[in-house]
């Protein structure tokens, strides 16, 4: 592994910088997106206002804020790999918790999709129901399981890398 890191140090530095920029952009875009989204919701009061408010809060937290923190954790992990004197920072030490939170919020997205589906239940067919089940439940549940697995891997791999750095 050390040989791979030495050969690809410049590429890892590039990925570290790119992930750091993307993570901060996602976190920085959250208040801007929140202002635009809530402004548009308040001007056009629709009949499903509470549903749209719930959906927008979900999108803000999951799509921007939580994913931005995960990307920052990945950037920190990359720096931790290629730098000899780097120690795991707060973001990297808590990356597994961010992943678990992201998995939980993705699972709650299934409930939000189900609420949307019940709103549109007037024009439902069997094909719509099967498409809904496949797209929203099975795919999101598989995402949840993959994210939880990555969280378990990250929590265990940091101690292994730390031990291998002390042995070299």
Protein backbone atom coordinates (compact mmCIF):
# COMPACT_ATOMS: atom_id res chain seq x y z
CA UNK A 1 0.00 0.00 0.00
CA UNK A 2 2.86 2.38 0.82
CA UNK A 3 4.31 1.79 -2.63
CA UNK A 4 0.99 2.67 -4.26
CA UNK A 5 0.72 5.84 -2.17
CA UNK A 6 4.27 6.90 -3.06
CA UNK A 7 3.65 6.37 -6.79
CA UNK A 8 0.35 8.26 -6.79
CA UNK A 9 1.09 11.02 -4.27
CA UNK A 10 0.42 13.88 -6.73
CA UNK A 11 -2.85 12.31 -7.86
CA UNK A 12 -3.93 11.83 -4.23
CA UNK A 13 -3.10 15.49 -3.53
CA UNK A 14 -5.26 16.52 -6.49
CA UNK A 15 -8.16 14.36 -5.25
CA UNK A 16 -7.74 15.80 -1.76
CA UNK A 17 -7.98 19.38 -3.02
CA UNK A 18 -10.90 18.58 -5.35
CA UNK A 19 -12.86 16.80 -2.61
CA UNK A 20 -12.19 19.63 -0.18
CA UNK A 21 -13.45 22.24 -2.65
CA UNK A 22 -16.56 20.21 -3.51
CA UNK A 23 -17.33 19.58 0.16
CA UNK A 24 -17.09 23.25 1.11
CA UNK A 25 -19.13 24.29 -1.94
CA UNK A 26 -21.90 21.86 -0.94
CA UNK A 27 -21.91 23.17 2.62
CA UNK A 28 -21.73 26.79 1.47
CA UNK A 29 -24.56 26.37 -1.01
CA UNK A 30 -26.95 25.13 1.69
CA UNK A 31 -28.05 28.56 3.03
CA UNK A 32 -28.34 29.99 -0.48
CA UNK A 33 -30.46 27.06 -1.61
CA UNK A 34 -32.54 27.29 1.60
CA UNK A 35 -33.27 30.97 0.99
CA UNK A 36 -34.29 30.40 -2.63
CA UNK A 37 -36.40 27.33 -1.81
CA UNK A 38 -38.27 28.88 1.13
CA UNK A 39 -38.80 32.13 -0.78
CA UNK A 40 -40.41 30.23 -3.66
CA UNK A 41 -42.56 28.22 -1.26
CA UNK A 42 -43.77 31.30 0.60
CA UNK A 43 -44.75 33.16 -2.59
CA UNK A 44 -46.77 30.30 -4.06
CA UNK A 45 -48.72 28.86 -1.15
CA UNK A 46 -49.86 25.54 -2.45
CA UNK A 47 -52.29 23.06 -0.99
CA UNK A 48 -49.44 20.70 -0.06
CA UNK A 49 -47.32 23.36 1.64
CA UNK A 50 -46.29 21.21 4.62
CA UNK A 51 -45.25 18.36 2.35
CA UNK A 52 -43.13 20.65 0.19
CA UNK A 53 -41.59 22.20 3.30
CA UNK A 54 -40.72 18.75 4.64
CA UNK A 55 -39.31 17.71 1.29
CA UNK A 56 -37.20 20.87 0.99
CA UNK A 57 -35.75 20.45 4.48
CA UNK A 58 -34.91 16.85 3.61
CA UNK A 59 -33.21 17.88 0.38
CA UNK A 60 -31.22 20.58 2.15
CA UNK A 61 -29.97 18.30 4.90
CA UNK A 62 -29.31 15.18 2.86
CA UNK A 63 -28.24 16.51 -0.51
CA UNK A 64 -26.10 19.41 0.55
CA UNK A 65 -25.12 19.56 4.20
CA UNK A 66 -24.68 15.90 5.12
CA UNK A 67 -23.14 14.94 1.79
CA UNK A 68 -20.78 17.92 2.00
CA UNK A 69 -19.56 16.72 5.40
CA UNK A 70 -19.02 13.24 3.98
CA UNK A 71 -17.01 14.63 1.06
CA UNK A 72 -14.89 16.66 3.52
CA UNK A 73 -14.32 13.46 5.49
CA UNK A 74 -13.21 11.68 2.32
CA UNK A 75 -10.82 14.58 1.57
CA UNK A 76 -9.38 14.25 5.05
CA UNK A 77 -9.06 10.48 4.59
CA UNK A 78 -7.12 10.98 1.34
CA UNK A 79 -4.77 13.44 3.06
CA UNK A 80 -4.36 11.01 5.94
CA UNK A 81 -3.31 8.33 3.47
CA UNK A 82 -0.61 10.25 1.61
CA UNK A 83 0.77 12.40 4.42
CA UNK A 84 3.15 10.80 6.91
CA UNK A 85 2.65 13.39 9.64
CA UNK A 86 -1.13 13.73 9.23
CA UNK A 87 -3.36 12.72 12.13
CA UNK A 88 -7.04 11.88 11.75
CA UNK A 89 -8.99 15.07 12.31
CA UNK A 90 -12.47 15.53 13.75
CA UNK A 91 -14.17 15.05 10.39
CA UNK A 92 -12.30 11.83 9.68
CA UNK A 93 -12.81 10.43 13.18
CA UNK A 94 -16.56 11.05 12.84
CA UNK A 95 -16.93 10.07 9.17
CA UNK A 96 -18.64 6.81 10.09
CA UNK A 97 -21.22 8.74 12.14
CA UNK A 98 -21.85 11.08 9.19
CA UNK A 99 -22.36 8.04 6.99
CA UNK A 100 -24.81 6.52 9.48
CA UNK A 101 -26.70 9.83 9.64
CA UNK A 102 -26.75 9.97 5.85
CA UNK A 103 -28.11 6.41 5.74
CA UNK A 104 -30.82 7.30 8.27
CA UNK A 105 -31.83 10.39 6.33
CA UNK A 106 -31.90 8.40 3.10
CA UNK A 107 -34.20 5.91 4.81
CA UNK A 108 -36.50 8.75 5.91
CA UNK A 109 -36.59 9.80 2.27
CA UNK A 110 -38.57 6.63 1.63
CA UNK A 111 -41.26 7.96 3.97
CA UNK A 112 -41.28 11.32 2.20
CA UNK A 113 -41.62 9.58 -1.17
CA UNK A 114 -44.46 7.50 0.23
CA UNK A 115 -46.22 10.68 1.37
CA UNK A 116 -45.85 12.10 -2.13
CA UNK A 117 -47.18 8.88 -3.57
CA UNK A 118 -50.27 9.00 -1.35
CA UNK A 119 -50.92 12.56 -2.48
CA UNK A 120 -50.92 11.39 -6.10
CA UNK A 121 -52.93 8.22 -5.37
CA UNK A 122 -55.90 9.43 -7.43
CA UNK A 123 -54.36 8.33 -10.71
CA UNK A 124 -52.64 5.14 -9.57
CA UNK A 125 -52.23 2.00 -11.63
CA UNK A 126 -50.48 -1.27 -10.90
CA UNK A 127 -47.60 -0.21 -13.12
CA UNK A 128 -47.22 3.03 -11.12
CA UNK A 129 -47.20 1.06 -7.89
CA UNK A 130 -44.52 -1.36 -9.09
CA UNK A 131 -42.43 1.51 -10.45
CA UNK A 132 -42.75 3.34 -7.13
CA UNK A 133 -41.76 0.24 -5.18
CA UNK A 134 -38.71 -0.35 -7.33
CA UNK A 135 -37.49 3.22 -7.68
CA UNK A 136 -38.12 4.53 -4.22
CA UNK A 137 -38.04 1.65 -1.81
CA UNK A 138 -35.72 -1.03 -3.18
CA UNK A 139 -33.11 1.34 -4.58
CA UNK A 140 -33.07 3.60 -1.52
CA UNK A 141 -32.87 0.60 0.81
CA UNK A 142 -29.91 -0.70 -1.16
CA UNK A 143 -28.29 2.74 -0.83
CA UNK A 144 -28.88 2.63 2.91
CA UNK A 145 -27.24 -0.79 3.22
CA UNK A 146 -24.24 0.28 1.11
CA UNK A 147 -23.76 3.47 3.13
CA UNK A 148 -23.93 1.55 6.42
CA UNK A 149 -21.36 -0.92 5.08
CA UNK A 150 -19.01 1.89 4.09
CA UNK A 151 -19.47 3.38 7.58
CA UNK A 152 -18.46 0.07 9.18
CA UNK A 153 -15.43 -0.19 6.90
CA UNK A 154 -14.33 3.38 7.70
CA UNK A 155 -14.63 2.84 11.45
CA UNK A 156 -12.43 -0.24 11.27
CA UNK A 157 -9.91 0.82 8.63
CA UNK A 158 -8.65 3.92 10.48
CA UNK A 159 -7.18 1.86 13.31
CA UNK A 160 -5.51 -0.49 10.81
CA UNK A 161 -3.94 2.43 8.91
CA UNK A 162 -2.81 4.06 12.14
CA UNK A 163 -1.14 0.83 13.22
CA UNK A 164 0.55 0.37 9.86
CA UNK A 165 1.90 3.94 9.99
CA UNK A 166 3.46 3.32 13.39
CA UNK A 167 5.10 0.09 12.22
CA UNK A 168 6.85 1.70 9.23
